[in-house]
Amino acid sequence: MGEWLPTEKDRAFVQSLMKPCLEPGKTASWIAPPAKGLDNKPIDYEYVKLGA
């Protein structure tokens, strides 16, 4: 079982890779960017307009 289940060291390594990306239009480095946006809109489409 110890040969195929992740160890605490494995979990810590994966956790170290998972850094958030909060910039509009950007994708976190550990996630593959989508091929297209919702309803075939571009990835950088402004789905929600904030403020006036």
N, C-alpha and C. Protein backbone atom coordinates (compact mmCIF):
# COMPACT_ATOMS: atom_id res chain seq x y z
N MET A 1 0.83 -1.19 0.00
CA MET A 1 0.00 0.00 0.00
C MET A 1 0.88 1.26 0.00
N GLY A 2 1.98 1.25 0.72
CA GLY A 2 2.87 2.39 0.77
C GLY A 2 3.57 2.68 -0.55
N GLU A 3 3.54 1.71 -1.45
CA GLU A 3 4.20 1.91 -2.74
C GLU A 3 3.36 2.72 -3.72
N TRP A 4 2.02 2.70 -3.56
CA TRP A 4 1.19 3.38 -4.55
C TRP A 4 0.32 4.50 -3.98
N LEU A 5 0.20 4.62 -2.70
CA LEU A 5 -0.53 5.75 -2.11
C LEU A 5 0.44 6.91 -1.88
N PRO A 6 -0.03 8.16 -2.07
CA PRO A 6 0.87 9.29 -1.85
C PRO A 6 1.28 9.40 -0.38
N THR A 7 2.53 9.78 -0.19
CA THR A 7 3.05 9.98 1.16
C THR A 7 2.79 11.43 1.57
N GLU A 8 3.10 11.76 2.80
CA GLU A 8 2.97 13.15 3.26
C GLU A 8 3.90 14.05 2.47
N LYS A 9 5.08 13.55 2.11
CA LYS A 9 6.03 14.31 1.30
C LYS A 9 5.43 14.60 -0.08
N ASP A 10 4.76 13.60 -0.68
CA ASP A 10 4.10 13.79 -1.97
C ASP A 10 3.00 14.85 -1.86
N ARG A 11 2.21 14.76 -0.82
CA ARG A 11 1.12 15.73 -0.63
C ARG A 11 1.65 17.15 -0.44
N ALA A 12 2.75 17.28 0.31
CA ALA A 12 3.35 18.59 0.52
C ALA A 12 3.88 19.16 -0.78
N PHE A 13 4.46 18.32 -1.63
CA PHE A 13 4.97 18.77 -2.92
C PHE A 13 3.83 19.27 -3.81
N VAL A 14 2.76 18.52 -3.90
CA VAL A 14 1.61 18.93 -4.71
C VAL A 14 1.03 20.23 -4.17
N GLN A 15 0.92 20.34 -2.87
CA GLN A 15 0.40 21.56 -2.24
C GLN A 15 1.28 22.76 -2.57
N SER A 16 2.60 22.55 -2.66
CA SER A 16 3.52 23.65 -2.97
C SER A 16 3.35 24.14 -4.40
N LEU A 17 2.84 23.30 -5.28
CA LEU A 17 2.62 23.69 -6.67
C LEU A 17 1.35 24.52 -6.84
N MET A 18 0.41 24.34 -5.96
CA MET A 18 -0.92 24.92 -6.11
C MET A 18 -0.98 26.35 -5.56
N LYS A 19 -0.46 27.28 -6.33
CA LYS A 19 -0.49 28.70 -5.96
C LYS A 19 -1.66 29.37 -6.68
N PRO A 20 -2.45 30.17 -5.98
CA PRO A 20 -3.60 30.80 -6.62
C PRO A 20 -3.18 31.87 -7.64
N CYS A 21 -4.01 32.06 -8.62
CA CYS A 21 -3.80 33.12 -9.62
C CYS A 21 -5.11 33.90 -9.66
N LEU A 22 -5.08 35.14 -9.22
CA LEU A 22 -6.30 35.93 -9.10
C LEU A 22 -6.42 37.01 -10.16
N GLU A 23 -5.52 37.03 -11.13
CA GLU A 23 -5.56 38.04 -12.18
C GLU A 23 -6.61 37.67 -13.23
N PRO A 24 -7.43 38.62 -13.63
CA PRO A 24 -8.42 38.34 -14.67
C PRO A 24 -7.72 37.90 -15.96
N GLY A 25 -8.26 36.87 -16.59
CA GLY A 25 -7.72 36.38 -17.85
C GLY A 25 -6.53 35.45 -17.71
N LYS A 26 -6.07 35.20 -16.50
CA LYS A 26 -4.92 34.31 -16.27
C LYS A 26 -5.41 33.00 -15.68
N THR A 27 -4.62 31.95 -15.87
CA THR A 27 -4.93 30.64 -15.31
C THR A 27 -3.76 30.21 -14.44
N ALA A 28 -4.05 29.63 -13.29
CA ALA A 28 -2.99 29.15 -12.41
C ALA A 28 -2.11 28.16 -13.17
N SER A 29 -0.82 28.14 -12.84
CA SER A 29 0.13 27.32 -13.57
C SER A 29 -0.13 25.82 -13.43
N TRP A 30 -0.84 25.40 -12.41
CA TRP A 30 -1.09 23.98 -12.20
C TRP A 30 -2.40 23.52 -12.81
N ILE A 31 -3.10 24.42 -13.52
CA ILE A 31 -4.36 24.07 -14.18
C ILE A 31 -4.18 24.33 -15.67
N ALA A 32 -4.63 23.40 -16.49
CA ALA A 32 -4.57 23.61 -17.94
C ALA A 32 -5.59 24.69 -18.32
N PRO A 33 -5.19 25.65 -19.15
CA PRO A 33 -6.15 26.69 -19.55
C PRO A 33 -7.26 26.09 -20.41
N PRO A 34 -8.46 26.61 -20.28
CA PRO A 34 -9.57 26.07 -21.08
C PRO A 34 -9.39 26.41 -22.55
N ALA A 35 -9.93 25.58 -23.42
CA ALA A 35 -9.84 25.81 -24.86
C ALA A 35 -10.72 26.98 -25.28
N LYS A 36 -11.84 27.17 -24.57
CA LYS A 36 -12.75 28.27 -24.87
C LYS A 36 -13.54 28.60 -23.61
N GLY A 37 -14.16 29.77 -23.61
CA GLY A 37 -14.96 30.18 -22.46
C GLY A 37 -16.37 29.60 -22.51
N LEU A 38 -17.19 30.00 -21.58
CA LEU A 38 -18.58 29.56 -21.54
C LEU A 38 -19.33 30.05 -22.77
N ASP A 39 -20.21 29.25 -23.29
CA ASP A 39 -21.01 29.59 -24.47
C ASP A 39 -20.14 30.03 -25.65
N ASN A 40 -18.99 29.38 -25.80
CA ASN A 40 -18.04 29.67 -26.89
C ASN A 40 -17.52 31.10 -26.90
N LYS A 41 -17.60 31.78 -25.78
CA LYS A 41 -17.06 33.14 -25.68
C LYS A 41 -15.54 33.05 -25.50
N PRO A 42 -14.81 34.12 -25.82
CA PRO A 42 -13.36 34.08 -25.59
C PRO A 42 -13.03 33.93 -24.11
N ILE A 43 -11.84 33.44 -23.84
CA ILE A 43 -11.41 33.23 -22.45
C ILE A 43 -11.44 34.53 -21.66
N ASP A 44 -11.06 35.64 -22.29
CA ASP A 44 -11.00 36.91 -21.56
C ASP A 44 -12.31 37.70 -21.61
N TYR A 45 -13.41 37.06 -21.99
CA TYR A 45 -14.71 37.72 -22.02
C TYR A 45 -15.10 38.19 -20.62
N GLU A 46 -15.63 39.39 -20.51
CA GLU A 46 -16.02 39.95 -19.22
C GLU A 46 -17.44 39.49 -18.90
N TYR A 47 -17.56 38.36 -18.22
CA TYR A 47 -18.87 37.80 -17.89
C TYR A 47 -19.62 38.65 -16.89
N VAL A 48 -18.90 39.24 -15.96
CA VAL A 48 -19.51 40.07 -14.93
C VAL A 48 -18.84 41.43 -14.98
N LYS A 49 -19.64 42.46 -15.06
CA LYS A 49 -19.11 43.82 -15.07
C LYS A 49 -19.22 44.37 -13.65
N LEU A 50 -18.08 44.71 -13.07
CA LEU A 50 -18.06 45.21 -11.70
C LEU A 50 -17.94 46.72 -11.71
N GLY A 51 -18.70 47.37 -10.87
CA GLY A 51 -18.63 48.83 -10.73
C GLY A 51 -19.24 49.56 -11.91
N ALA A 52 -19.21 50.88 -11.84
CA ALA A 52 -19.79 51.67 -12.90
C ALA A 52 -18.73 52.42 -13.68
